[in-house]
Protein backbone atom coordinates (compact mmCIF):
# COMPACT_ATOMS: atom_id res chain seq x y z
CA MET A 1 155.31 -67.26 3.06
CA ARG A 2 154.66 -70.69 4.53
CA ARG A 3 153.30 -69.08 7.71
CA LEU A 4 150.94 -66.92 5.62
CA ILE A 5 149.61 -70.00 3.83
CA GLN A 6 149.10 -71.84 7.13
CA THR A 7 147.36 -68.82 8.67
CA THR A 8 145.13 -68.43 5.62
CA ALA A 9 144.24 -72.13 5.69
CA LEU A 10 143.37 -71.88 9.39
CA CYS A 11 141.18 -68.82 8.81
CA VAL A 12 139.35 -70.56 5.97
CA ALA A 13 138.81 -73.65 8.13
CA LEU A 14 137.46 -71.58 11.01
CA ALA A 15 135.21 -69.55 8.73
CA THR A 16 133.87 -72.71 7.12
CA SER A 17 133.15 -74.23 10.52
CA ALA A 18 131.38 -71.08 11.64
CA GLN A 19 129.31 -71.01 8.47
CA ALA A 20 128.25 -74.62 8.91
CA ASP A 21 126.47 -73.83 12.18
CA ILE A 22 123.11 -72.90 10.64
CA THR A 23 120.43 -75.08 12.20
CA TYR A 24 116.77 -75.33 11.34
CA GLN A 25 114.18 -76.56 13.79
CA GLY A 26 110.49 -77.41 13.67
CA ARG A 27 108.69 -76.52 10.46
CA ASP A 28 111.84 -75.04 8.94
CA ALA A 29 113.68 -78.35 9.50
CA GLN A 30 110.80 -80.16 7.83
CA GLY A 31 111.03 -77.74 4.91
CA LEU A 32 114.75 -78.30 4.62
CA HIS A 33 114.22 -82.06 4.58
CA CYS A 34 111.54 -81.74 1.91
CA ALA A 35 113.73 -79.45 -0.20
CA ALA A 36 116.58 -81.96 0.11
CA MET A 37 114.31 -84.80 -0.96
CA PHE A 38 113.14 -82.85 -4.00
CA GLY A 39 116.46 -81.19 -4.84
CA VAL A 40 119.23 -83.61 -3.98
CA VAL A 41 117.79 -87.09 -3.80
CA VAL A 42 116.05 -86.61 -7.14
CA LEU A 43 119.48 -86.72 -8.79
CA VAL A 44 119.91 -90.28 -7.55
CA LEU A 45 116.42 -91.27 -8.67
CA GLU A 46 116.94 -89.78 -12.12
CA LYS A 47 120.32 -91.47 -12.53
CA ALA A 48 118.75 -94.81 -11.54
CA GLY A 49 116.05 -94.36 -14.17
CA ARG A 50 113.30 -93.93 -11.57
CA MET A 51 112.53 -90.37 -12.69
CA THR A 52 112.53 -88.64 -16.07
CA ASN A 53 114.48 -85.47 -16.77
CA ALA A 54 111.21 -83.50 -16.90
CA GLU A 55 110.16 -84.87 -13.50
CA ALA A 56 113.57 -83.99 -12.10
CA GLN A 57 113.28 -80.41 -13.38
CA GLU A 58 109.86 -80.12 -11.75
CA SER A 59 111.31 -81.46 -8.51
CA PHE A 60 114.12 -78.90 -8.59
CA LEU A 61 111.51 -76.16 -8.92
CA VAL A 62 109.61 -77.56 -5.93
CA ALA A 63 112.86 -77.63 -3.94
CA LYS A 64 113.53 -73.99 -4.79
CA ILE A 65 110.04 -72.90 -3.79
CA ILE A 66 110.39 -74.68 -0.44
CA LEU A 67 113.92 -73.39 0.12
CA ASP A 68 112.76 -69.83 -0.55
CA GLN A 69 110.43 -70.12 2.46
CA LEU A 70 113.29 -70.84 4.89
CA PRO A 71 115.10 -68.16 6.90
CA GLY A 72 118.72 -67.30 6.19
CA THR A 73 120.78 -66.08 3.29
CA GLU A 74 120.85 -67.93 -0.02
CA ALA A 75 124.33 -69.20 0.80
CA GLU A 76 123.21 -70.49 4.22
CA LYS A 77 120.17 -72.20 2.77
CA HIS A 78 122.15 -73.87 0.00
CA ARG A 79 124.83 -74.99 2.46
CA ALA A 80 122.15 -76.44 4.75
CA LEU A 81 120.49 -78.12 1.75
CA SER A 82 123.78 -79.69 0.68
CA GLN A 83 124.49 -80.91 4.20
CA ARG A 84 121.01 -82.37 4.62
CA GLY A 85 121.12 -84.01 1.21
CA ALA A 86 124.52 -85.54 1.94
CA LYS A 87 123.25 -86.91 5.24
CA ILE A 88 120.19 -88.42 3.57
CA LEU A 89 122.37 -90.08 0.94
CA ARG A 90 124.78 -91.43 3.57
CA THR A 91 122.09 -92.95 5.76
CA ARG A 92 119.73 -94.57 3.26
CA SER A 93 119.97 -97.23 0.59
CA GLY A 94 118.63 -96.60 -2.90
CA GLU A 95 115.42 -98.46 -2.10
CA GLN A 96 114.99 -96.56 1.15
CA LEU A 97 115.38 -93.30 -0.78
CA VAL A 98 112.70 -94.30 -3.25
CA HIS A 99 110.35 -95.38 -0.47
CA GLU A 100 110.93 -92.20 1.55
CA PHE A 101 110.51 -89.96 -1.48
CA LEU A 102 107.27 -91.65 -2.47
CA SER A 103 105.92 -91.60 1.07
CA THR A 104 106.82 -87.96 1.86
CA SER A 105 106.66 -86.04 -1.41
CA LYS A 106 102.88 -85.55 -1.36
CA TRP A 107 103.00 -84.38 2.27
CA CYS A 108 105.81 -81.96 1.43
CA GLN A 109 103.87 -80.54 -1.49
CA ARG A 110 100.71 -80.16 0.59
CA GLU A 111 102.55 -78.50 3.49
CA PHE A 112 104.85 -76.18 1.58
CA LEU A 113 103.21 -75.48 -1.77
CA THR A 114 99.57 -74.87 -0.89
CA GLN A 115 99.69 -71.85 1.37
């Protein structure tokens, strides 16, 4: 029984590692970053009182529209979005997040919503 549990845990770990290998490049990477800014970082901005609930809901819609343009399965896209969002949150302060969101959100909208 113990061996079965260890084998199952190893298989899950290997499968998770294999699933995490999705990589976006070029325009798709830009889209992923924009979707992360609108979909993940917005949670931080809303919690800090820098964005209303209505603005956050609009941002989630923008993130979904951008994410829908990326290649891959829904699971792959959401995994990539979560990974990108986590990296953004790990590497920026709250003020840096606000500044980056304000400086890139219009570009993201122009590039990925007006096609």
